[in-house]
Amino acid sequence: DLPSYQRFYESVLIHLPGVRSLNSTIVM
């Protein structure tokens, strides 16, 4: 769900090596 994704984003995605920016689009 959305809260799970937010935790995943904050704990995993933003810490990926070499990331400058991320843009998330939720699938309808």
PDB file of all heavy atoms in Angstrom:
ATOM      1  N   ASP A   1       0.845  -1.192   0.000  1.00  0.00           N
ATOM      2  CA  ASP A   1       0.000   0.000   0.000  1.00  0.00           C
ATOM      3  C   ASP A   1       0.884   1.247   0.000  1.00  0.00           C
ATOM      4  O   ASP A   1       2.117   1.143  -0.016  1.00  0.00           O
ATOM      5  CB  ASP A   1      -0.938  -0.010   1.215  1.00  0.00           C
ATOM      6  CG  ASP A   1      -0.210  -0.258   2.534  1.00  0.00           C
ATOM      7  OD1 ASP A   1       0.994   0.099   2.654  1.00  0.00           O
ATOM      8  OD2 ASP A   1      -0.823  -0.814   3.451  1.00  0.00           O
ATOM      9  N   LEU A   2       0.245   2.417   0.024  1.00  0.00           N
ATOM     10  CA  LEU A   2       0.994   3.673  -0.016  1.00  0.00           C
ATOM     11  C   LEU A   2       1.939   3.838   1.171  1.00  0.00           C
ATOM     12  O   LEU A   2       3.116   4.182   0.968  1.00  0.00           O
ATOM     13  CB  LEU A   2       0.031   4.868  -0.114  1.00  0.00           C
ATOM     14  CG  LEU A   2       0.682   6.251  -0.136  1.00  0.00           C
ATOM     15  CD1 LEU A   2       1.665   6.399  -1.296  1.00  0.00           C
ATOM     16  CD2 LEU A   2      -0.384   7.334  -0.204  1.00  0.00           C
ATOM     17  N   PRO A   3       1.518   3.591   2.415  1.00  0.00           N
ATOM     18  CA  PRO A   3       2.479   3.720   3.525  1.00  0.00           C
ATOM     19  C   PRO A   3       3.688   2.780   3.368  1.00  0.00           C
ATOM     20  O   PRO A   3       4.813   3.161   3.689  1.00  0.00           O
ATOM     21  CB  PRO A   3       1.646   3.363   4.769  1.00  0.00           C
ATOM     22  CG  PRO A   3       0.236   3.670   4.378  1.00  0.00           C
ATOM     23  CD  PRO A   3       0.156   3.344   2.911  1.00  0.00           C
ATOM     24  N   SER A   4       3.445   1.571   2.854  1.00  0.00           N
ATOM     25  CA  SER A   4       4.566   0.632   2.623  1.00  0.00           C
ATOM     26  C   SER A   4       5.519   1.182   1.573  1.00  0.00           C
ATOM     27  O   SER A   4       6.736   1.068   1.699  1.00  0.00           O
ATOM     28  CB  SER A   4       4.047  -0.726   2.152  1.00  0.00           C
ATOM     29  OG  SER A   4       3.233  -1.308   3.111  1.00  0.00           O
ATOM     30  N   TYR A   5       4.952   1.772   0.516  1.00  0.00           N
ATOM     31  CA  TYR A   5       5.804   2.351  -0.520  1.00  0.00           C
ATOM     32  C   TYR A   5       6.607   3.523   0.023  1.00  0.00           C
ATOM     33  O   TYR A   5       7.796   3.656  -0.262  1.00  0.00           O
ATOM     34  CB  TYR A   5       5.001   2.799  -1.745  1.00  0.00           C
ATOM     35  CG  TYR A   5       5.897   3.467  -2.755  1.00  0.00           C
ATOM     36  CD1 TYR A   5       6.826   2.707  -3.474  1.00  0.00           C
ATOM     37  CD2 TYR A   5       5.900   4.843  -2.937  1.00  0.00           C
ATOM     38  CE1 TYR A   5       7.703   3.301  -4.362  1.00  0.00           C
ATOM     39  CE2 TYR A   5       6.773   5.444  -3.826  1.00  0.00           C
ATOM     40  CZ  TYR A   5       7.672   4.673  -4.528  1.00  0.00           C
ATOM     41  OH  TYR A   5       8.552   5.263  -5.392  1.00  0.00           O
ATOM     42  N   GLN A   6       5.973   4.356   0.837  1.00  0.00           N
ATOM     43  CA  GLN A   6       6.692   5.491   1.407  1.00  0.00           C
ATOM     44  C   GLN A   6       7.870   5.024   2.254  1.00  0.00           C
ATOM     45  O   GLN A   6       8.977   5.554   2.143  1.00  0.00           O
ATOM     46  CB  GLN A   6       5.755   6.354   2.253  1.00  0.00           C
ATOM     47  CG  GLN A   6       6.457   7.589   2.801  1.00  0.00           C
ATOM     48  CD  GLN A   6       5.514   8.499   3.563  1.00  0.00           C
ATOM     49  OE1 GLN A   6       4.301   8.304   3.581  1.00  0.00           O
ATOM     50  NE2 GLN A   6       6.073   9.496   4.200  1.00  0.00           N
ATOM     51  N   ARG A   7       7.669   3.983   3.065  1.00  0.00           N
ATOM     52  CA  ARG A   7       8.773   3.428   3.864  1.00  0.00           C
ATOM     53  C   ARG A   7       9.866   2.866   2.948  1.00  0.00           C
ATOM     54  O   ARG A   7      11.057   3.073   3.183  1.00  0.00           O
ATOM     55  CB  ARG A   7       8.258   2.343   4.815  1.00  0.00           C
ATOM     56  CG  ARG A   7       7.501   2.889   5.997  1.00  0.00           C
ATOM     57  CD  ARG A   7       7.203   1.817   7.045  1.00  0.00           C
ATOM     58  NE  ARG A   7       6.391   0.712   6.530  1.00  0.00           N
ATOM     59  CZ  ARG A   7       5.069   0.741   6.436  1.00  0.00           C
ATOM     60  NH1 ARG A   7       4.388   1.789   6.829  1.00  0.00           N
ATOM     61  NH2 ARG A   7       4.419  -0.315   5.975  1.00  0.00           N
ATOM     62  N   PHE A   8       9.462   2.149   1.900  1.00  0.00           N
ATOM     63  CA  PHE A   8      10.404   1.578   0.937  1.00  0.00           C
ATOM     64  C   PHE A   8      11.203   2.690   0.251  1.00  0.00           C
ATOM     65  O   PHE A   8      12.418   2.599   0.108  1.00  0.00           O
ATOM     66  CB  PHE A   8       9.641   0.735  -0.086  1.00  0.00           C
ATOM     67  CG  PHE A   8      10.496   0.130  -1.159  1.00  0.00           C
ATOM     68  CD1 PHE A   8      11.323  -0.939  -0.882  1.00  0.00           C
ATOM     69  CD2 PHE A   8      10.466   0.639  -2.442  1.00  0.00           C
ATOM     70  CE1 PHE A   8      12.120  -1.500  -1.877  1.00  0.00           C
ATOM     71  CE2 PHE A   8      11.246   0.093  -3.439  1.00  0.00           C
ATOM     72  CZ  PHE A   8      12.080  -0.980  -3.157  1.00  0.00           C
ATOM     73  N   TYR A   9      10.512   3.730  -0.164  1.00  0.00           N
ATOM     74  CA  TYR A   9      11.154   4.874  -0.819  1.00  0.00           C
ATOM     75  C   TYR A   9      12.207   5.492   0.105  1.00  0.00           C
ATOM     76  O   TYR A   9      13.339   5.731  -0.303  1.00  0.00           O
ATOM     77  CB  TYR A   9      10.085   5.913  -1.182  1.00  0.00           C
ATOM     78  CG  TYR A   9      10.609   7.125  -1.914  1.00  0.00           C
ATOM     79  CD1 TYR A   9      10.621   7.158  -3.293  1.00  0.00           C
ATOM     80  CD2 TYR A   9      11.079   8.234  -1.222  1.00  0.00           C
ATOM     81  CE1 TYR A   9      11.097   8.267  -3.985  1.00  0.00           C
ATOM     82  CE2 TYR A   9      11.563   9.346  -1.896  1.00  0.00           C
ATOM     83  CZ  TYR A   9      11.571   9.359  -3.274  1.00  0.00           C
ATOM     84  OH  TYR A   9      12.049  10.452  -3.948  1.00  0.00           O
ATOM     85  N   GLU A  10      11.822   5.742   1.350  1.00  0.00           N
ATOM     86  CA  GLU A  10      12.713   6.418   2.302  1.00  0.00           C
ATOM     87  C   GLU A  10      13.844   5.536   2.821  1.00  0.00           C
ATOM     88  O   GLU A  10      14.914   6.036   3.141  1.00  0.00           O
ATOM     89  CB  GLU A  10      11.897   6.964   3.476  1.00  0.00           C
ATOM     90  CG  GLU A  10      10.946   8.071   3.055  1.00  0.00           C
ATOM     91  CD  GLU A  10       9.965   8.479   4.140  1.00  0.00           C
ATOM     92  OE1 GLU A  10       9.851   7.764   5.168  1.00  0.00           O
ATOM     93  OE2 GLU A  10       9.277   9.505   3.944  1.00  0.00           O
ATOM     94  N   SER A  11      13.614   4.239   2.887  1.00  0.00           N
ATOM     95  CA  SER A  11      14.652   3.364   3.443  1.00  0.00           C
ATOM     96  C   SER A  11      15.510   2.675   2.389  1.00  0.00           C
ATOM     97  O   SER A  11      16.626   2.243   2.682  1.00  0.00           O
ATOM     98  CB  SER A  11      14.027   2.307   4.356  1.00  0.00           C
ATOM     99  OG  SER A  11      13.202   1.438   3.611  1.00  0.00           O
ATOM    100  N   VAL A  12      15.005   2.579   1.144  1.00  0.00           N
ATOM    101  CA  VAL A  12      15.736   1.835   0.115  1.00  0.00           C
ATOM    102  C   VAL A  12      16.046   2.691  -1.113  1.00  0.00           C
ATOM    103  O   VAL A  12      17.218   2.882  -1.464  1.00  0.00           O
ATOM    104  CB  VAL A  12      14.952   0.567  -0.322  1.00  0.00           C
ATOM    105  CG1 VAL A  12      15.673  -0.163  -1.445  1.00  0.00           C
ATOM    106  CG2 VAL A  12      14.734  -0.360   0.865  1.00  0.00           C
ATOM    107  N   LEU A  13      15.008   3.188  -1.771  1.00  0.00           N
ATOM    108  CA  LEU A  13      15.215   3.839  -3.066  1.00  0.00           C
ATOM    109  C   LEU A  13      16.151   5.042  -3.015  1.00  0.00           C
ATOM    110  O   LEU A  13      17.043   5.170  -3.855  1.00  0.00           O
ATOM    111  CB  LEU A  13      13.869   4.251  -3.675  1.00  0.00           C
ATOM    112  CG  LEU A  13      12.973   3.114  -4.143  1.00  0.00           C
ATOM    113  CD1 LEU A  13      11.652   3.664  -4.679  1.00  0.00           C
ATOM    114  CD2 LEU A  13      13.658   2.252  -5.185  1.00  0.00           C
ATOM    115  N   ILE A  14      15.959   5.925  -2.046  1.00  0.00           N
ATOM    116  CA  ILE A  14      16.803   7.128  -2.013  1.00  0.00           C
ATOM    117  C   ILE A  14      18.257   6.818  -1.665  1.00  0.00           C
ATOM    118  O   ILE A  14      19.121   7.663  -1.863  1.00  0.00           O
ATOM    119  CB  ILE A  14      16.236   8.218  -1.073  1.00  0.00           C
ATOM    120  CG1 ILE A  14      16.217   7.720   0.369  1.00  0.00           C
ATOM    121  CG2 ILE A  14      14.870   8.675  -1.542  1.00  0.00           C
ATOM    122  CD1 ILE A  14      15.842   8.816   1.364  1.00  0.00           C
ATOM    123  N   HIS A  15      18.504   5.610  -1.207  1.00  0.00           N
ATOM    124  CA  HIS A  15      19.876   5.217  -0.845  1.00  0.00           C
ATOM    125  C   HIS A  15      20.572   4.380  -1.925  1.00  0.00           C
ATOM    126  O   HIS A  15      21.694   3.924  -1.732  1.00  0.00           O
ATOM    127  CB  HIS A  15      19.873   4.453   0.478  1.00  0.00           C
ATOM    128  CG  HIS A  15      19.348   5.266   1.610  1.00  0.00           C
ATOM    129  ND1 HIS A  15      20.039   6.335   2.146  1.00  0.00           N
ATOM    130  CD2 HIS A  15      18.167   5.203   2.279  1.00  0.00           C
ATOM    131  CE1 HIS A  15      19.323   6.878   3.117  1.00  0.00           C
ATOM    132  NE2 HIS A  15      18.184   6.216   3.206  1.00  0.00           N
ATOM    133  N   LEU A  16      19.910   4.180  -3.068  1.00  0.00           N
ATOM    134  CA  LEU A  16      20.549   3.438  -4.156  1.00  0.00           C
ATOM    135  C   LEU A  16      21.795   4.189  -4.634  1.00  0.00           C
ATOM    136  O   LEU A  16      21.794   5.429  -4.677  1.00  0.00           O
ATOM    137  CB  LEU A  16      19.568   3.244  -5.319  1.00  0.00           C
ATOM    138  CG  LEU A  16      18.454   2.238  -5.084  1.00  0.00           C
ATOM    139  CD1 LEU A  16      17.397   2.340  -6.167  1.00  0.00           C
ATOM    140  CD2 LEU A  16      19.009   0.830  -5.012  1.00  0.00           C
ATOM    141  N   PRO A  17      22.833   3.466  -4.990  1.00  0.00           N
ATOM    142  CA  PRO A  17      24.081   4.124  -5.390  1.00  0.00           C
ATOM    143  C   PRO A  17      23.932   4.962  -6.656  1.00  0.00           C
ATOM    144  O   PRO A  17      23.363   4.508  -7.643  1.00  0.00           O
ATOM    145  CB  PRO A  17      25.044   2.956  -5.619  1.00  0.00           C
ATOM    146  CG  PRO A  17      24.189   1.755  -5.815  1.00  0.00           C
ATOM    147  CD  PRO A  17      22.916   2.010  -5.070  1.00  0.00           C
ATOM    148  N   GLY A  18      24.419   6.185  -6.591  1.00  0.00           N
ATOM    149  CA  GLY A  18      24.466   7.041  -7.763  1.00  0.00           C
ATOM    150  C   GLY A  18      23.171   7.737  -8.123  1.00  0.00           C
ATOM    151  O   GLY A  18      23.084   8.387  -9.167  1.00  0.00           O
ATOM    152  N   VAL A  19      22.149   7.673  -7.274  1.00  0.00           N
ATOM    153  CA  VAL A  19      20.868   8.304  -7.596  1.00  0.00           C
ATOM    154  C   VAL A  19      20.959   9.819  -7.426  1.00  0.00           C
ATOM    155  O   VAL A  19      21.375  10.315  -6.397  1.00  0.00           O
ATOM    156  CB  VAL A  19      19.733   7.754  -6.711  1.00  0.00           C
ATOM    157  CG1 VAL A  19      18.473   8.592  -6.843  1.00  0.00           C
ATOM    158  CG2 VAL A  19      19.422   6.334  -7.085  1.00  0.00           C
ATOM    159  N   ARG A  20      20.544  10.523  -8.477  1.00  0.00           N
ATOM    160  CA  ARG A  20      20.437  11.987  -8.393  1.00  0.00           C
ATOM    161  C   ARG A  20      18.995  12.390  -8.102  1.00  0.00           C
ATOM    162  O   ARG A  20      18.735  13.273  -7.304  1.00  0.00           O
ATOM    163  CB  ARG A  20      20.902  12.648  -9.681  1.00  0.00           C
ATOM    164  CG  ARG A  20      20.815  14.183  -9.591  1.00  0.00           C
ATOM    165  CD  ARG A  20      21.305  14.867 -10.824  1.00  0.00           C
ATOM    166  NE  ARG A  20      20.246  14.772 -11.842  1.00  0.00           N
ATOM    167  CZ  ARG A  20      20.445  14.938 -13.131  1.00  0.00           C
ATOM    168  NH1 ARG A  20      21.656  15.157 -13.594  1.00  0.00           N
ATOM    169  NH2 ARG A  20      19.453  14.841 -13.977  1.00  0.00           N
ATOM    170  N   SER A  21      18.047  11.724  -8.798  1.00  0.00           N
ATOM    171  CA  SER A  21      16.642  12.060  -8.562  1.00  0.00           C
ATOM    172  C   SER A  21      15.754  10.857  -8.845  1.00  0.00           C
ATOM    173  O   SER A  21      16.105   9.977  -9.627  1.00  0.00           O
ATOM    174  CB  SER A  21      16.216  13.250  -9.421  1.00  0.00           C
ATOM    175  OG  SER A  21      16.223  12.901 -10.790  1.00  0.00           O
ATOM    176  N   LEU A  22      14.592  10.862  -8.182  1.00  0.00           N
ATOM    177  CA  LEU A  22      13.577   9.836  -8.367  1.00  0.00           C
ATOM    178  C   LEU A  22      12.237  10.522  -8.565  1.00  0.00           C
ATOM    179  O   LEU A  22      11.942  11.528  -7.914  1.00  0.00           O
ATOM    180  CB  LEU A  22      13.483   8.932  -7.128  1.00  0.00           C
ATOM    181  CG  LEU A  22      14.730   8.138  -6.765  1.00  0.00           C
ATOM    182  CD1 LEU A  22      14.581   7.543  -5.369  1.00  0.00           C
ATOM    183  CD2 LEU A  22      14.975   7.041  -7.783  1.00  0.00           C
ATOM    184  N   ASN A  23      11.421   9.972  -9.465  1.00  0.00           N
ATOM    185  CA  ASN A  23      10.081  10.483  -9.700  1.00  0.00           C
ATOM    186  C   ASN A  23       9.151   9.280  -9.701  1.00  0.00           C
ATOM    187  O   ASN A  23       9.309   8.377 -10.519  1.00  0.00           O
ATOM    188  CB  ASN A  23      10.031  11.228 -11.035  1.00  0.00           C
ATOM    189  CG  ASN A  23       8.701  11.890 -11.286  1.00  0.00           C
ATOM    190  OD1 ASN A  23       7.668  11.425 -10.834  1.00  0.00           O
ATOM    191  ND2 ASN A  23       8.745  12.961 -12.042  1.00  0.00           N
ATOM    192  N   SER A  24       8.186   9.277  -8.785  1.00  0.00           N
ATOM    193  CA  SER A  24       7.275   8.143  -8.637  1.00  0.00           C
ATOM    194  C   SER A  24       5.929   8.433  -9.276  1.00  0.00           C
ATOM    195  O   SER A  24       5.346   9.498  -9.056  1.00  0.00           O
ATOM    196  CB  SER A  24       7.049   7.838  -7.153  1.00  0.00           C
ATOM    197  OG  SER A  24       8.271   7.544  -6.514  1.00  0.00           O
ATOM    198  N   THR A  25       5.428   7.476 -10.046  1.00  0.00           N
ATOM    199  CA  THR A  25       4.105   7.562 -10.649  1.00  0.00           C
ATOM    200  C   THR A  25       3.317   6.339 -10.208  1.00  0.00           C
ATOM    201  O   THR A  25       3.721   5.204 -10.465  1.00  0.00           O
ATOM    202  CB  THR A  25       4.215   7.600 -12.190  1.00  0.00           C
ATOM    203  OG1 THR A  25       4.994   8.738 -12.568  1.00  0.00           O
ATOM    204  CG2 THR A  25       2.849   7.667 -12.837  1.00  0.00           C
ATOM    205  N   ILE A  26       2.193   6.571  -9.540  1.00  0.00           N
ATOM    206  CA  ILE A  26       1.372   5.473  -9.026  1.00  0.00           C
ATOM    207  C   ILE A  26       0.514   4.916 -10.160  1.00  0.00           C
ATOM    208  O   ILE A  26      -0.142   5.670 -10.884  1.00  0.00           O
ATOM    209  CB  ILE A  26       0.489   5.947  -7.866  1.00  0.00           C
ATOM    210  CG1 ILE A  26       1.380   6.429  -6.710  1.00  0.00           C
ATOM    211  CG2 ILE A  26      -0.458   4.841  -7.400  1.00  0.00           C
ATOM    212  CD1 ILE A  26       0.620   7.142  -5.617  1.00  0.00           C
ATOM    213  N   VAL A  27       0.530   3.602 -10.297  1.00  0.00           N
ATOM    214  CA  VAL A  27      -0.262   2.930 -11.332  1.00  0.00           C
ATOM    215  C   VAL A  27      -1.713   2.862 -10.874  1.00  0.00           C
ATOM    216  O   VAL A  27      -2.006   2.389  -9.774  1.00  0.00           O
ATOM    217  CB  VAL A  27       0.287   1.511 -11.614  1.00  0.00           C
ATOM    218  CG1 VAL A  27      -0.626   0.752 -12.570  1.00  0.00           C
ATOM    219  CG2 VAL A  27       1.702   1.596 -12.155  1.00  0.00           C
ATOM    220  N   MET A  28      -2.627   3.342 -11.726  1.00  0.00           N
ATOM    221  CA  MET A  28      -4.054   3.337 -11.406  1.00  0.00           C
ATOM    222  C   MET A  28      -4.636   1.932 -11.550  1.00  0.00           C
ATOM    223  O   MET A  28      -5.352   1.445 -10.681  1.00  0.00           O
ATOM    224  CB  MET A  28      -4.789   4.296 -12.341  1.00  0.00           C
ATOM    225  CG  MET A  28      -6.245   4.451 -12.015  1.00  0.00           C
ATOM    226  SD  MET A  28      -7.227   5.480 -13.144  1.00  0.00           S
ATOM    227  CE  MET A  28      -6.097   6.579 -13.897  1.00  0.00           C
TER     228      MET A  28
END
